[in-house]
Amino acid sequence: MVKKKRSQHDLAFQALRTLMVEPGDELTPWNDLLGNHGPDRLKTIIAETPGALPRYNDRDAALVYAAMLEHALELAVASCFVSDPAVRERLFSYSDDGPLATFQAKIDVGHALGLFGALMRKDMWRIKAIRNAFAHARTGVTFSDERIANACQFIDVSKNLRADLGGPRQRYTFAVGVISAFLKEIILSSPHEKMASVYSTLYDEPLPSPRRQ
C-alpha cells in the first residue's frame, strides 16, 4: 500500500507537536508565565486586564491572545442561541463538562452555524495548535523557534492582508486581532451581506449563507 505523501502544512504542525513531548521541566510553562514571583503572581495576572499588563513575553502573548480569540468566538456562537444565561453557562462550562467548553468545540460549532467559512476555521485551528505548543512545552519556547515560526507561516489571513508583518509573532497576533474583530461584528448582529463583503477581503472563499433568513 502506497502511503500518501504529507503536505508541508501537515509536516509543519506535526513538528509543532514535538515541542510538547520534548524532555524538560514540567514547571517551565508556569515559570515563564509567572516569572520569579511565585503563585501569587497568577492572581495578579488574572485580575489585570490585557491592556494594563506590560509587554508580554512570547509565551504570555501566545496564551493571552488565543484566550481573547476563544472568548470572542464564544460570544459569537452564544449570540445564535436563546438569551438564557443558565443555558449558556451549561454549554460552555468546563466544570460541568459543557459540550462547548473546549476551543475546538467552539470552532466546530461556529463553522457549523455558518458564522465563518472553512479557511477561517482552519486559521483558528492553527492558532489553537500554536497556543497548545506554547502551553505544554516543557522547555523555554519563543516565536523564533523554527517549528513555531514555520507553523505561523500557514496562517492564511495574515498572508492575505499584509505581505510583511515583521515576523511570526506579529503574524499570530495580527491574525487573532483580525478574526476577533470579525467575530465582534457577528455579536453586533451585522447584516449577512455586510459580513460576506468583509469576509471576502480576508479569505479567498465566500461566507456561508445562513440556512434561515
Protein backbone atom coordinates (compact mmCIF):
# COMPACT_ATOMS: atom_id res chain seq x y z
CA MET A 1 0.00 0.00 0.00
CA VAL A 2 1.42 3.37 -1.06
CA LYS A 3 1.49 5.91 1.75
CA LYS A 4 0.05 9.32 0.97
CA LYS A 5 2.71 11.99 0.86
CA ARG A 6 2.17 14.53 3.63
CA SER A 7 1.83 18.18 2.73
CA GLN A 8 4.18 20.86 4.00
CA HIS A 9 1.30 22.09 6.18
CA ASP A 10 0.83 18.68 7.83
CA LEU A 11 4.57 18.29 8.37
CA ALA A 12 4.80 21.76 9.95
CA PHE A 13 2.11 21.05 12.52
CA GLN A 14 3.41 17.55 13.18
CA ALA A 15 6.77 19.16 14.00
CA LEU A 16 4.96 21.67 16.23
CA ARG A 17 3.58 18.82 18.33
CA THR A 18 7.10 17.58 19.07
CA LEU A 19 7.55 20.64 21.29
CA MET A 20 5.02 19.18 23.70
CA VAL A 21 6.85 15.88 24.16
CA GLU A 22 10.44 17.06 24.41
CA PRO A 23 12.04 16.31 27.80
CA GLY A 24 12.23 19.17 30.23
CA ASP A 25 10.86 20.63 33.41
CA GLU A 26 7.08 20.43 33.79
CA LEU A 27 7.20 23.74 35.68
CA THR A 28 8.79 25.63 32.79
CA PRO A 29 5.48 26.93 31.36
CA TRP A 30 4.48 28.25 34.78
CA ASN A 31 7.91 29.76 35.43
CA ASP A 32 7.75 31.52 32.07
CA LEU A 33 4.30 32.84 32.84
CA LEU A 34 4.82 33.83 36.47
CA GLY A 35 8.49 34.73 36.47
CA ASN A 36 10.09 34.67 39.90
CA HIS A 37 7.03 35.98 41.72
CA GLY A 38 5.55 32.62 42.70
CA PRO A 39 1.90 31.50 42.64
CA ASP A 40 0.58 34.83 43.92
CA ARG A 41 1.57 36.37 40.60
CA LEU A 42 -1.10 34.23 38.91
CA LYS A 43 -3.81 36.04 40.86
CA THR A 44 -2.43 39.36 39.67
CA ILE A 45 -2.33 38.23 36.04
CA ILE A 46 -5.92 37.04 36.21
CA ALA A 47 -7.09 40.23 37.90
CA GLU A 48 -5.42 42.61 35.45
CA THR A 49 -6.83 43.40 32.05
CA PRO A 50 -4.61 42.74 28.99
CA GLY A 51 -4.24 46.45 28.31
CA ALA A 52 -2.87 47.09 31.79
CA LEU A 53 -0.16 44.44 31.58
CA PRO A 54 3.39 45.22 30.48
CA ARG A 55 4.68 43.91 27.17
CA TYR A 56 4.09 40.17 27.02
CA ASN A 57 6.88 37.68 26.54
CA ASP A 58 6.24 35.19 23.75
CA ARG A 59 4.56 32.54 25.87
CA ASP A 60 2.29 35.12 27.51
CA ALA A 61 1.37 36.55 24.10
CA ALA A 62 0.53 33.16 22.62
CA LEU A 63 -1.70 32.19 25.54
CA VAL A 64 -3.40 35.53 26.16
CA TYR A 65 -4.15 36.30 22.52
CA ALA A 66 -5.57 32.81 21.95
CA ALA A 67 -7.74 33.23 25.07
CA MET A 68 -9.04 36.53 23.69
CA LEU A 69 -9.92 34.84 20.40
CA GLU A 70 -11.64 31.94 22.14
CA HIS A 71 -13.70 34.40 24.21
CA ALA A 72 -14.75 36.34 21.10
CA LEU A 73 -15.70 33.06 19.44
CA GLU A 74 -17.76 32.01 22.47
CA LEU A 75 -19.69 35.30 22.38
CA ALA A 76 -20.31 34.95 18.63
CA VAL A 77 -21.60 31.38 18.99
CA ALA A 78 -23.71 32.29 22.03
CA SER A 79 -25.32 35.14 20.09
CA CYS A 80 -27.04 32.49 17.97
CA PHE A 81 -28.65 30.80 20.97
CA VAL A 82 -31.55 31.70 23.24
CA SER A 83 -30.84 34.58 25.60
CA ASP A 84 -30.64 32.49 28.76
CA PRO A 85 -27.51 32.84 30.94
CA ALA A 86 -28.13 29.47 32.58
CA VAL A 87 -28.18 27.70 29.22
CA ARG A 88 -25.01 29.42 28.13
CA GLU A 89 -23.30 28.53 31.40
CA ARG A 90 -24.09 24.85 30.94
CA LEU A 91 -22.99 24.80 27.31
CA PHE A 92 -19.62 26.49 27.83
CA SER A 93 -18.76 25.34 31.37
CA TYR A 94 -15.57 23.35 31.90
CA SER A 95 -16.57 22.33 35.42
CA ASP A 96 -19.85 20.84 34.19
CA ASP A 97 -18.30 19.20 31.09
CA GLY A 98 -20.26 21.50 28.82
CA PRO A 99 -20.36 20.37 25.18
CA LEU A 100 -18.89 23.69 24.02
CA ALA A 101 -16.27 24.10 26.74
CA THR A 102 -13.24 23.47 24.52
CA PHE A 103 -11.78 25.79 21.92
CA GLN A 104 -12.13 23.07 19.26
CA ALA A 105 -15.83 22.56 20.03
CA LYS A 106 -16.46 26.30 19.69
CA ILE A 107 -14.62 26.34 16.35
CA ASP A 108 -16.60 23.38 15.02
CA VAL A 109 -19.99 24.74 16.09
CA GLY A 110 -19.21 28.25 14.85
CA HIS A 111 -18.41 26.82 11.44
CA ALA A 112 -21.48 24.55 11.50
CA LEU A 113 -23.64 27.60 12.23
CA GLY A 114 -22.22 29.32 9.16
CA LEU A 115 -20.57 32.13 11.12
CA PHE A 116 -17.38 31.70 9.08
CA GLY A 117 -16.02 29.56 6.30
CA ALA A 118 -13.59 26.66 6.15
CA LEU A 119 -10.50 28.84 5.74
CA MET A 120 -11.16 30.86 8.89
CA ARG A 121 -11.94 27.62 10.72
CA LYS A 122 -8.52 26.30 9.67
CA ASP A 123 -6.83 29.51 10.82
CA MET A 124 -8.44 29.20 14.25
CA TRP A 125 -7.31 25.58 14.42
CA ARG A 126 -3.75 26.70 13.59
CA ILE A 127 -3.84 29.37 16.29
CA LYS A 128 -5.12 26.77 18.76
CA ALA A 129 -2.34 24.34 17.81
CA ILE A 130 0.33 27.02 18.25
CA ARG A 131 -1.18 28.02 21.58
CA ASN A 132 -1.11 24.39 22.73
CA ALA A 133 2.58 24.10 21.84
CA PHE A 134 3.37 27.14 23.99
CA ALA A 135 1.12 25.94 26.82
CA HIS A 136 2.53 22.43 27.09
CA ALA A 137 6.18 22.72 26.05
CA ARG A 138 8.47 21.74 28.94
CA THR A 139 11.33 23.84 27.61
CA GLY A 140 11.53 27.57 27.05
CA VAL A 141 9.93 28.31 23.68
CA THR A 142 9.57 31.51 21.70
CA PHE A 143 8.17 32.58 18.35
CA SER A 144 11.71 32.40 16.97
CA ASP A 145 11.71 28.61 17.42
CA GLU A 146 11.82 27.16 13.90
CA ARG A 147 8.79 24.93 14.49
CA ILE A 148 6.67 27.79 15.83
CA ALA A 149 7.78 30.17 13.08
CA ASN A 150 7.10 27.59 10.37
CA ALA A 151 3.59 26.92 11.68
CA CYS A 152 2.80 30.65 11.80
CA GLN A 153 3.57 30.92 8.08
CA PHE A 154 0.45 28.89 7.32
CA ILE A 155 -1.97 31.38 8.93
CA ASP A 156 -3.87 32.48 5.84
CA VAL A 157 -5.49 35.74 6.92
CA SER A 158 -2.11 37.30 7.72
CA LYS A 159 -0.79 36.35 4.29
CA ASN A 160 -3.88 37.70 2.55
CA LEU A 161 -3.94 41.12 4.22
CA ARG A 162 -0.31 42.02 4.81
CA ALA A 163 2.74 40.86 2.90
CA ASP A 164 5.24 41.70 5.64
CA LEU A 165 4.18 41.70 9.28
CA GLY A 166 7.67 41.60 10.74
CA GLY A 167 7.80 38.00 11.95
CA PRO A 168 5.84 35.01 13.25
CA ARG A 169 4.73 36.68 16.49
CA GLN A 170 3.27 39.61 14.55
CA ARG A 171 1.59 37.22 12.11
CA TYR A 172 0.00 35.32 15.00
CA THR A 173 -1.21 38.35 16.98
CA PHE A 174 -2.37 40.17 13.83
CA ALA A 175 -4.48 37.16 12.82
CA VAL A 176 -6.06 36.98 16.27
CA GLY A 177 -6.95 40.67 16.11
CA VAL A 178 -8.50 40.46 12.63
CA ILE A 179 -10.53 37.32 13.34
CA SER A 180 -11.69 38.66 16.72
CA ALA A 181 -12.83 41.89 15.06
CA PHE A 182 -14.81 39.89 12.51
CA LEU A 183 -16.45 37.85 15.28
CA LYS A 184 -17.32 41.09 17.12
CA GLU A 185 -19.34 42.20 14.11
CA ILE A 186 -21.30 38.94 14.32
CA ILE A 187 -22.00 39.62 18.00
CA LEU A 188 -23.34 43.04 16.99
CA SER A 189 -25.72 41.28 14.58
CA SER A 190 -24.37 42.94 11.46
CA PRO A 191 -26.29 42.05 8.26
CA HIS A 192 -25.07 38.94 6.44
CA GLU A 193 -24.42 40.96 3.27
CA LYS A 194 -22.01 43.21 5.16
CA MET A 195 -20.27 40.26 6.80
CA ALA A 196 -19.94 38.47 3.47
CA SER A 197 -18.28 41.53 1.96
CA VAL A 198 -15.82 41.78 4.86
CA TYR A 199 -15.11 38.06 4.83
CA SER A 200 -14.22 38.13 1.12
CA THR A 201 -11.41 40.58 1.89
CA LEU A 202 -9.97 38.17 4.45
CA TYR A 203 -10.23 34.83 2.66
CA ASP A 204 -10.49 33.53 -0.89
CA GLU A 205 -13.87 31.89 -0.32
CA PRO A 206 -17.45 33.08 0.18
CA LEU A 207 -19.03 33.35 3.61
CA PRO A 208 -21.57 30.52 4.03
CA SER A 209 -25.17 31.63 3.63
CA PRO A 210 -27.41 31.22 6.68
CA ARG A 211 -29.99 28.44 6.36
CA ARG A 212 -32.67 30.74 7.72
CA GLN A 213 -33.03 34.34 6.67
